[in-house]
Structure formats: structure tokens, C-alpha cells
Amino acid sequence: MSSSWTAEVETKAPAAAIFKAAFLDWHNLGPKLIPQIITGVTLISGDGSPGSIRQINFSPVMPFSFIKERLDFIDHEKLELKTSIIEGGDLGSKIESATSHIKVEPKGNSSIVKVLATYKAIAGFDVAEDIKKAKEGFINSVKAVEEHLVANPGAYA
């Protein structure tokens, strides 16, 4: 049975800048903004278009060392994307599948980042604590990008 969680994060940064920084350039920005969690991001294949695969490597504070995610869909005009975890993380040990649908919506000169994460837990595993950590991690990542963009208003403009 599939389950899901959602989050909405209001930011003081423009929607297009948040989309570019947090999702299109995360391979460069993530390790700089939260090095205590992300040690590096590598593009495994593709050019950032659907089908592209990137690996996000984590520090020892995380319960796993990496995830590989595939970009399934992206709409640069609607500031929307979908990804699937294809390797690493809890895939195969606690969950059978996991996808995320992210949309950044303008709100005046600021924005709202919305995520719908859908996953299928392996029977017998309680993933409630893992979901709580994933949601917190997503929110904290968006907030780190927001802080960076507020401090550097010309970045990703």
C-alpha cells in the first residue's frame, strides 16, 4: 500500500530563484549550504532533463550514505518537477519505492514550495520516524536556500 506526506514551505525569496537554487543547482549549492548533511552531489547521467540521474552523498549524521534519484518530469515555466529514488537510502530495506512531486508557486515577491512525497513501505516496517526526518530535511533544505537567496538577492535571478 502506498502512503504519502506533504509539506508547504513559505519563503521570502522569489519562486524562480528558489526553483533554480534548490532544485536545478542543488548539486552545487547543497554541499555548500548544509555540508554537515550533504557531502556532495554528482550527476551520474543526463543533462538535467527528464531521465537524468544524480547521486546525493550524505555525511555520517544520516542513517544511509547516499541516494540516487532520477528526474522524471520537469516544467521550467510552471516551476515543477518529479523525481524517483532509484537506489540507496532505505530503498530495498524499508521502502519499495519513493517519489517526490515538487512545485514552487509565486506569492507576491516571495514563494511557497510544495512537496508531495509518495512511498511504498515494505510490509512489516514502520517508517514513521524516517518520514518525519525526510519532511524535516526537506523543510530545512528549503529554508537554507531561502537564507542564501535573501543574503544574496542577485543570486539565481
N, C-alpha and C. Protein backbone atom coordinates (compact mmCIF):
# COMPACT_ATOMS: atom_id res chain seq x y z
N MET A 1 0.83 -1.19 0.00
CA MET A 1 0.00 0.00 0.00
C MET A 1 0.87 1.25 0.00
N SER A 2 0.57 2.17 -0.87
CA SER A 2 1.32 3.42 -0.94
C SER A 2 0.80 4.41 0.10
N SER A 3 1.70 5.21 0.61
CA SER A 3 1.36 6.28 1.55
C SER A 3 2.05 7.54 1.06
N SER A 4 1.71 8.67 1.66
CA SER A 4 2.33 9.92 1.24
C SER A 4 2.42 10.90 2.39
N TRP A 5 3.25 11.90 2.20
CA TRP A 5 3.32 13.03 3.12
C TRP A 5 3.48 14.29 2.29
N THR A 6 3.07 15.41 2.87
CA THR A 6 3.16 16.68 2.17
C THR A 6 3.82 17.71 3.08
N ALA A 7 4.32 18.74 2.46
CA ALA A 7 4.86 19.88 3.20
C ALA A 7 4.71 21.11 2.32
N GLU A 8 4.50 22.24 2.97
CA GLU A 8 4.49 23.54 2.30
C GLU A 8 5.42 24.45 3.08
N VAL A 9 6.33 25.11 2.36
CA VAL A 9 7.30 25.99 2.99
C VAL A 9 7.18 27.36 2.35
N GLU A 10 6.80 28.34 3.14
CA GLU A 10 6.76 29.72 2.64
C GLU A 10 8.16 30.30 2.74
N THR A 11 8.57 31.00 1.68
CA THR A 11 9.90 31.63 1.68
C THR A 11 9.78 33.10 1.34
N LYS A 12 10.84 33.83 1.65
CA LYS A 12 10.90 35.26 1.32
C LYS A 12 11.65 35.49 0.01
N ALA A 13 11.91 34.42 -0.72
CA ALA A 13 12.66 34.51 -1.97
C ALA A 13 11.72 34.31 -3.15
N PRO A 14 12.04 34.91 -4.30
CA PRO A 14 11.21 34.73 -5.50
C PRO A 14 11.14 33.26 -5.93
N ALA A 15 10.01 32.88 -6.46
CA ALA A 15 9.78 31.48 -6.85
C ALA A 15 10.82 30.96 -7.84
N ALA A 16 11.11 31.73 -8.88
CA ALA A 16 12.07 31.25 -9.90
C ALA A 16 13.46 31.04 -9.29
N ALA A 17 13.87 31.92 -8.38
CA ALA A 17 15.18 31.78 -7.74
C ALA A 17 15.23 30.55 -6.84
N ILE A 18 14.17 30.32 -6.08
CA ILE A 18 14.11 29.13 -5.22
C ILE A 18 14.17 27.87 -6.08
N PHE A 19 13.41 27.83 -7.18
CA PHE A 19 13.39 26.66 -8.05
C PHE A 19 14.78 26.38 -8.61
N LYS A 20 15.42 27.42 -9.12
CA LYS A 20 16.76 27.24 -9.69
C LYS A 20 17.77 26.79 -8.64
N ALA A 21 17.80 27.47 -7.50
CA ALA A 21 18.80 27.18 -6.48
C ALA A 21 18.57 25.84 -5.79
N ALA A 22 17.34 25.60 -5.36
CA ALA A 22 17.06 24.41 -4.55
C ALA A 22 16.94 23.13 -5.37
N PHE A 23 16.57 23.25 -6.64
CA PHE A 23 16.30 22.04 -7.39
C PHE A 23 17.16 21.88 -8.64
N LEU A 24 17.41 22.96 -9.37
CA LEU A 24 18.23 22.84 -10.59
C LEU A 24 19.72 22.88 -10.29
N ASP A 25 20.13 23.66 -9.30
CA ASP A 25 21.56 23.79 -8.99
C ASP A 25 21.92 23.19 -7.63
N TRP A 26 21.08 22.31 -7.13
CA TRP A 26 21.30 21.72 -5.81
C TRP A 26 22.63 20.96 -5.76
N HIS A 27 23.06 20.42 -6.87
CA HIS A 27 24.33 19.69 -6.90
C HIS A 27 25.49 20.59 -6.52
N ASN A 28 25.40 21.88 -6.80
CA ASN A 28 26.45 22.83 -6.40
C ASN A 28 26.16 23.46 -5.04
N LEU A 29 24.91 23.84 -4.83
CA LEU A 29 24.55 24.62 -3.64
C LEU A 29 24.38 23.77 -2.38
N GLY A 30 23.80 22.60 -2.50
CA GLY A 30 23.53 21.75 -1.33
C GLY A 30 24.75 21.50 -0.45
N PRO A 31 25.86 21.03 -1.02
CA PRO A 31 27.04 20.78 -0.18
C PRO A 31 27.63 22.05 0.46
N LYS A 32 27.39 23.19 -0.14
CA LYS A 32 27.89 24.46 0.43
C LYS A 32 27.00 24.94 1.57
N LEU A 33 25.68 24.77 1.42
CA LEU A 33 24.75 25.29 2.41
C LEU A 33 24.58 24.37 3.62
N ILE A 34 24.59 23.08 3.40
CA ILE A 34 24.42 22.14 4.52
C ILE A 34 25.47 21.02 4.46
N PRO A 35 26.76 21.41 4.58
CA PRO A 35 27.83 20.41 4.48
C PRO A 35 27.81 19.39 5.61
N GLN A 36 27.13 19.72 6.71
CA GLN A 36 27.03 18.77 7.81
C GLN A 36 26.13 17.59 7.44
N ILE A 37 25.37 17.73 6.35
CA ILE A 37 24.47 16.65 5.91
C ILE A 37 24.86 16.14 4.53
N ILE A 38 25.06 17.05 3.58
CA ILE A 38 25.37 16.66 2.20
C ILE A 38 26.85 16.88 1.93
N THR A 39 27.54 15.80 1.57
CA THR A 39 28.97 15.90 1.29
C THR A 39 29.27 16.13 -0.18
N GLY A 40 28.30 15.81 -1.04
CA GLY A 40 28.50 16.03 -2.46
C GLY A 40 27.32 15.52 -3.26
N VAL A 41 27.19 16.07 -4.47
CA VAL A 41 26.15 15.63 -5.39
C VAL A 41 26.81 15.46 -6.75
N THR A 42 26.58 14.31 -7.36
CA THR A 42 27.20 14.00 -8.64
C THR A 42 26.14 13.67 -9.68
N LEU A 43 26.25 14.26 -10.84
CA LEU A 43 25.38 13.90 -11.96
C LEU A 43 25.92 12.60 -12.53
N ILE A 44 25.13 11.55 -12.44
CA ILE A 44 25.54 10.22 -12.91
C ILE A 44 25.32 10.10 -14.41
N SER A 45 24.16 10.57 -14.87
CA SER A 45 23.88 10.53 -16.30
C SER A 45 22.86 11.60 -16.65
N GLY A 46 22.88 12.02 -17.91
CA GLY A 46 21.94 13.01 -18.39
C GLY A 46 22.47 14.42 -18.30
N ASP A 47 21.58 15.35 -18.64
CA ASP A 47 21.97 16.76 -18.71
C ASP A 47 21.01 17.66 -17.93
N GLY A 48 20.28 17.06 -16.99
CA GLY A 48 19.30 17.84 -16.23
C GLY A 48 17.91 17.77 -16.82
N SER A 49 17.76 17.03 -17.90
CA SER A 49 16.43 16.84 -18.49
C SER A 49 15.84 15.53 -17.93
N PRO A 50 14.56 15.26 -18.19
CA PRO A 50 13.97 14.01 -17.68
C PRO A 50 14.81 12.79 -18.07
N GLY A 51 14.95 11.90 -17.11
CA GLY A 51 15.79 10.72 -17.27
C GLY A 51 17.16 10.89 -16.64
N SER A 52 17.55 12.12 -16.34
CA SER A 52 18.85 12.37 -15.71
C SER A 52 18.87 11.75 -14.31
N ILE A 53 20.04 11.27 -13.91
CA ILE A 53 20.21 10.64 -12.60
C ILE A 53 21.34 11.34 -11.87
N ARG A 54 21.08 11.67 -10.59
CA ARG A 54 22.13 12.26 -9.75
C ARG A 54 22.21 11.49 -8.44
N GLN A 55 23.41 11.47 -7.88
CA GLN A 55 23.65 10.82 -6.60
C GLN A 55 23.94 11.88 -5.56
N ILE A 56 23.23 11.81 -4.45
CA ILE A 56 23.45 12.73 -3.34
C ILE A 56 24.13 11.93 -2.23
N ASN A 57 25.33 12.36 -1.85
CA ASN A 57 26.10 11.67 -0.81
C ASN A 57 25.92 12.40 0.52
N PHE A 58 25.75 11.61 1.58
CA PHE A 58 25.47 12.16 2.89
C PHE A 58 26.60 11.91 3.88
N SER A 59 26.66 12.77 4.88
CA SER A 59 27.63 12.62 5.97
C SER A 59 27.15 11.52 6.91
N PRO A 60 28.00 11.13 7.86
CA PRO A 60 27.62 10.07 8.81
C PRO A 60 26.44 10.42 9.73
N VAL A 61 25.98 11.68 9.75
CA VAL A 61 24.82 12.00 10.58
C VAL A 61 23.54 11.38 10.01
N MET A 62 23.57 10.99 8.75
CA MET A 62 22.41 10.37 8.12
C MET A 62 22.48 8.85 8.31
N PRO A 63 21.33 8.18 8.32
CA PRO A 63 21.32 6.72 8.51
C PRO A 63 21.75 5.94 7.26
N PHE A 64 21.97 6.63 6.14
CA PHE A 64 22.46 5.99 4.92
C PHE A 64 23.44 6.93 4.24
N SER A 65 24.29 6.37 3.39
CA SER A 65 25.38 7.16 2.82
C SER A 65 25.03 7.90 1.53
N PHE A 66 24.00 7.45 0.81
CA PHE A 66 23.65 8.12 -0.46
C PHE A 66 22.25 7.74 -0.90
N ILE A 67 21.74 8.54 -1.86
CA ILE A 67 20.58 8.15 -2.66
C ILE A 67 20.89 8.50 -4.10
N LYS A 68 20.32 7.75 -5.00
CA LYS A 68 20.33 8.11 -6.42
C LYS A 68 18.89 8.42 -6.78
N GLU A 69 18.71 9.59 -7.43
CA GLU A 69 17.37 9.97 -7.84
C GLU A 69 17.35 10.26 -9.32
N ARG A 70 16.22 9.89 -9.92
CA ARG A 70 16.01 10.13 -11.35
C ARG A 70 15.00 11.27 -11.51
N LEU A 71 15.31 12.19 -12.39
CA LEU A 71 14.37 13.26 -12.72
C LEU A 71 13.36 12.69 -13.72
N ASP A 72 12.11 12.61 -13.29
CA ASP A 72 11.08 12.01 -14.13
C ASP A 72 10.35 13.04 -14.99
N PHE A 73 10.24 14.26 -14.48
CA PHE A 73 9.48 15.30 -15.16
C PHE A 73 9.99 16.65 -14.67
N ILE A 74 10.04 17.63 -15.59
CA ILE A 74 10.37 18.99 -15.18
C ILE A 74 9.66 19.97 -16.11
N ASP A 75 9.12 21.02 -15.51
CA ASP A 75 8.50 22.10 -16.26
C ASP A 75 9.09 23.40 -15.73
N HIS A 76 10.00 23.98 -16.50
CA HIS A 76 10.71 25.19 -16.07
C HIS A 76 9.78 26.39 -15.95
N GLU A 77 8.73 26.43 -16.75
CA GLU A 77 7.80 27.56 -16.70
C GLU A 77 6.86 27.47 -15.50
N LYS A 78 6.38 26.26 -15.21
CA LYS A 78 5.48 26.07 -14.08
C LYS A 78 6.23 25.82 -12.77
N LEU A 79 7.58 25.78 -12.83
CA LEU A 79 8.43 25.58 -11.65
C LEU A 79 8.02 24.31 -10.90
N GLU A 80 8.04 23.21 -11.65
CA GLU A 80 7.53 21.95 -11.13
C GLU A 80 8.43 20.81 -11.58
N LEU A 81 8.62 19.81 -10.72
CA LEU A 81 9.40 18.63 -11.09
C LEU A 81 8.96 17.42 -10.29
N LYS A 82 9.30 16.24 -10.83
CA LYS A 82 9.03 14.97 -10.16
C LYS A 82 10.31 14.15 -10.21
N THR A 83 10.62 13.51 -9.08
CA THR A 83 11.79 12.64 -9.01
C THR A 83 11.41 11.30 -8.39
N SER A 84 12.23 10.29 -8.65
CA SER A 84 12.08 8.97 -8.04
C SER A 84 13.42 8.54 -7.48
N ILE A 85 13.40 7.97 -6.29
CA ILE A 85 14.63 7.35 -5.75
C ILE A 85 14.78 6.01 -6.45
N ILE A 86 15.96 5.78 -7.01
CA ILE A 86 16.17 4.53 -7.75
C ILE A 86 17.21 3.63 -7.08
N GLU A 87 17.94 4.17 -6.10
CA GLU A 87 18.96 3.37 -5.40
C GLU A 87 19.35 4.11 -4.12
N GLY A 88 19.77 3.34 -3.14
CA GLY A 88 20.27 3.92 -1.90
C GLY A 88 19.16 4.28 -0.93
N GLY A 89 19.54 5.02 0.10
CA GLY A 89 18.59 5.37 1.13
C GLY A 89 18.00 4.13 1.75
N ASP A 90 16.73 4.15 2.01
CA ASP A 90 16.03 3.00 2.58
C ASP A 90 15.40 2.11 1.51
N LEU A 91 15.69 2.42 0.23
CA LEU A 91 15.13 1.64 -0.86
C LEU A 91 15.62 0.19 -0.78
N GLY A 92 14.68 -0.73 -0.75
CA GLY A 92 15.03 -2.15 -0.67
C GLY A 92 15.15 -2.68 0.75
N SER A 93 15.34 -1.78 1.74
CA SER A 93 15.43 -2.24 3.12
C SER A 93 14.18 -1.91 3.92
N LYS A 94 13.61 -0.72 3.69
CA LYS A 94 12.38 -0.33 4.38
C LYS A 94 11.27 0.09 3.42
N ILE A 95 11.66 0.57 2.24
CA ILE A 95 10.67 1.01 1.26
C ILE A 95 10.91 0.34 -0.09
N GLU A 96 9.82 0.13 -0.82
CA GLU A 96 9.90 -0.45 -2.16
C GLU A 96 10.08 0.63 -3.21
N SER A 97 9.49 1.81 -2.96
CA SER A 97 9.58 2.90 -3.93
C SER A 97 9.33 4.23 -3.23
N ALA A 98 9.84 5.31 -3.83
CA ALA A 98 9.62 6.65 -3.30
C ALA A 98 9.72 7.66 -4.43
N THR A 99 8.74 8.56 -4.49
CA THR A 99 8.75 9.63 -5.49
C THR A 99 8.42 10.95 -4.81
N SER A 100 8.83 12.03 -5.43
CA SER A 100 8.51 13.37 -4.93
C SER A 100 8.01 14.23 -6.08
N HIS A 101 6.96 14.97 -5.82
CA HIS A 101 6.42 15.94 -6.76
C HIS A 101 6.57 17.30 -6.08
N ILE A 102 7.38 18.17 -6.67
CA ILE A 102 7.69 19.47 -6.08
C ILE A 102 7.20 20.56 -7.00
N LYS A 103 6.57 21.57 -6.40
CA LYS A 103 6.09 22.72 -7.16
C LYS A 103 6.38 23.97 -6.35
N VAL A 104 6.93 24.98 -7.02
CA VAL A 104 7.20 26.26 -6.38
C VAL A 104 6.22 27.27 -6.96
N GLU A 105 5.45 27.90 -6.08
CA GLU A 105 4.43 28.85 -6.52
C GLU A 105 4.78 30.26 -6.08
N PRO A 106 4.64 31.23 -6.97
CA PRO A 106 4.87 32.63 -6.59
C PRO A 106 3.82 33.10 -5.59
N LYS A 107 4.25 33.94 -4.69
CA LYS A 107 3.34 34.59 -3.74
C LYS A 107 3.87 36.01 -3.56
N GLY A 108 3.43 36.90 -4.47
CA GLY A 108 3.99 38.26 -4.49
C GLY A 108 5.46 38.17 -4.88
N ASN A 109 6.34 38.78 -4.08
CA ASN A 109 7.79 38.70 -4.31
C ASN A 109 8.42 37.52 -3.59
N SER A 110 7.59 36.70 -2.98
CA SER A 110 8.09 35.53 -2.27
C SER A 110 7.52 34.27 -2.94
N SER A 111 7.54 33.14 -2.21
CA SER A 111 7.09 31.90 -2.83
C SER A 111 6.66 30.88 -1.78
N ILE A 112 5.98 29.86 -2.28
CA ILE A 112 5.61 28.71 -1.46
C ILE A 112 6.14 27.47 -2.19
N VAL A 113 6.90 26.65 -1.47
CA VAL A 113 7.43 25.41 -2.03
C VAL A 113 6.56 24.28 -1.49
N LYS A 114 5.99 23.52 -2.40
CA LYS A 114 5.11 22.41 -2.01
C LYS A 114 5.72 21.09 -2.46
N VAL A 115 5.62 20.10 -1.59
CA VAL A 115 6.08 18.76 -1.96
C VAL A 115 5.01 17.74 -1.59
N LEU A 116 4.83 16.78 -2.48
CA LEU A 116 4.03 15.59 -2.22
C LEU A 116 4.97 14.41 -2.42
N ALA A 117 5.30 13.74 -1.34
CA ALA A 117 6.18 12.57 -1.41
C ALA A 117 5.32 11.32 -1.23
N THR A 118 5.47 10.39 -2.15
CA THR A 118 4.71 9.14 -2.10
C THR A 118 5.71 7.99 -1.98
N TYR A 119 5.38 7.04 -1.12
CA TYR A 119 6.29 5.92 -0.90
C TYR A 119 5.49 4.66 -0.63
N LYS A 120 6.13 3.53 -0.85
CA LYS A 120 5.52 2.25 -0.54
C LYS A 120 6.46 1.53 0.43
N ALA A 121 6.01 1.40 1.67
CA ALA A 121 6.83 0.73 2.69
C ALA A 121 6.80 -0.78 2.47
N ILE A 122 7.89 -1.42 2.82
CA ILE A 122 7.94 -2.89 2.80
C ILE A 122 7.14 -3.39 3.99
N ALA A 123 6.33 -4.40 3.77
CA ALA A 123 5.47 -4.94 4.83
C ALA A 123 6.30 -5.26 6.08
N GLY A 124 5.77 -4.84 7.22
CA GLY A 124 6.42 -5.12 8.49
C GLY A 124 7.35 -4.03 8.98
N PHE A 125 7.58 -3.01 8.16
CA PHE A 125 8.48 -1.93 8.56
C PHE A 125 7.68 -0.68 8.90
N ASP A 126 8.02 -0.09 10.03
CA ASP A 126 7.42 1.18 10.45
C ASP A 126 8.37 2.29 10.01
N VAL A 127 7.91 3.11 9.10
CA VAL A 127 8.77 4.17 8.57
C VAL A 127 8.36 5.55 9.08
N ALA A 128 7.53 5.61 10.10
CA ALA A 128 7.03 6.90 10.60
C ALA A 128 8.18 7.84 10.99
N GLU A 129 9.18 7.35 11.68
CA GLU A 129 10.30 8.20 12.09
C GLU A 129 11.12 8.64 10.88
N ASP A 130 11.28 7.76 9.90
CA ASP A 130 12.01 8.09 8.68
C ASP A 130 11.28 9.20 7.90
N ILE A 131 9.96 9.11 7.86
CA ILE A 131 9.16 10.11 7.16
C ILE A 131 9.28 11.46 7.86
N LYS A 132 9.23 11.44 9.18
CA LYS A 132 9.39 12.67 9.96
C LYS A 132 10.74 13.33 9.64
N LYS A 133 11.81 12.53 9.58
CA LYS A 133 13.14 13.05 9.27
C LYS A 133 13.22 13.57 7.83
N ALA A 134 12.59 12.87 6.90
CA ALA A 134 12.60 13.30 5.50
C ALA A 134 11.89 14.64 5.36
N LYS A 135 10.76 14.79 6.02
CA LYS A 135 10.00 16.03 5.96
C LYS A 135 10.80 17.18 6.57
N GLU A 136 11.40 16.95 7.73
CA GLU A 136 12.24 17.96 8.37
C GLU A 136 13.42 18.33 7.48
N GLY A 137 14.03 17.33 6.86
CA GLY A 137 15.17 17.58 5.98
C GLY A 137 14.79 18.42 4.78
N PHE A 138 13.63 18.14 4.20
CA PHE A 138 13.15 18.93 3.06
C PHE A 138 12.93 20.38 3.49
N ILE A 139 12.22 20.58 4.57
CA ILE A 139 11.94 21.93 5.06
C ILE A 139 13.24 22.67 5.38
N ASN A 140 14.16 22.02 6.06
CA ASN A 140 15.43 22.66 6.42
C ASN A 140 16.25 23.01 5.19
N SER A 141 16.21 22.17 4.17
CA SER A 141 16.94 22.45 2.93
C SER A 141 16.38 23.68 2.23
N VAL A 142 15.05 23.76 2.14
CA VAL A 142 14.42 24.92 1.50
C VAL A 142 14.74 26.18 2.30
N LYS A 143 14.70 26.09 3.62
CA LYS A 143 15.00 27.26 4.46
C LYS A 143 16.46 27.70 4.31
N ALA A 144 17.37 26.75 4.14
CA ALA A 144 18.78 27.09 3.92
C ALA A 144 18.95 27.83 2.60
N VAL A 145 18.24 27.39 1.57
CA VAL A 145 18.28 28.08 0.28
C VAL A 145 17.68 29.47 0.41
N GLU A 146 16.57 29.57 1.11
CA GLU A 146 15.94 30.87 1.32
C GLU A 146 16.92 31.85 1.98
N GLU A 147 17.57 31.41 3.05
CA GLU A 147 18.55 32.27 3.74
C GLU A 147 19.64 32.72 2.79
N HIS A 148 20.13 31.81 1.96
CA HIS A 148 21.18 32.14 0.99
C HIS A 148 20.68 33.18 -0.01
N LEU A 149 19.48 33.00 -0.50
CA LEU A 149 18.95 33.93 -1.51
C LEU A 149 18.62 35.29 -0.91
N VAL A 150 18.13 35.33 0.32
CA VAL A 150 17.86 36.61 0.98
C VAL A 150 19.17 37.37 1.22
N ALA A 151 20.21 36.65 1.59
CA ALA A 151 21.52 37.27 1.83
C ALA A 151 22.23 37.64 0.52
N ASN A 152 21.85 37.02 -0.57
CA ASN A 152 22.46 37.24 -1.90
C ASN A 152 21.35 37.45 -2.92
N PRO A 153 20.67 38.62 -2.87
CA PRO A 153 19.48 38.82 -3.68
C PRO A 153 19.69 38.71 -5.19
N GLY A 154 20.90 38.87 -5.68
CA GLY A 154 21.15 38.76 -7.12
C GLY A 154 21.38 37.34 -7.57
N ALA A 155 21.59 36.43 -6.62
CA ALA A 155 21.88 35.03 -6.97
C ALA A 155 20.64 34.37 -7.56
N TYR A 156 20.83 33.65 -8.63
CA TYR A 156 19.77 32.87 -9.29
C TYR A 156 18.62 33.74 -9.80
N ALA A 157 18.89 35.01 -10.03
CA ALA A 157 17.84 35.92 -10.52
C ALA A 157 17.57 35.67 -11.99
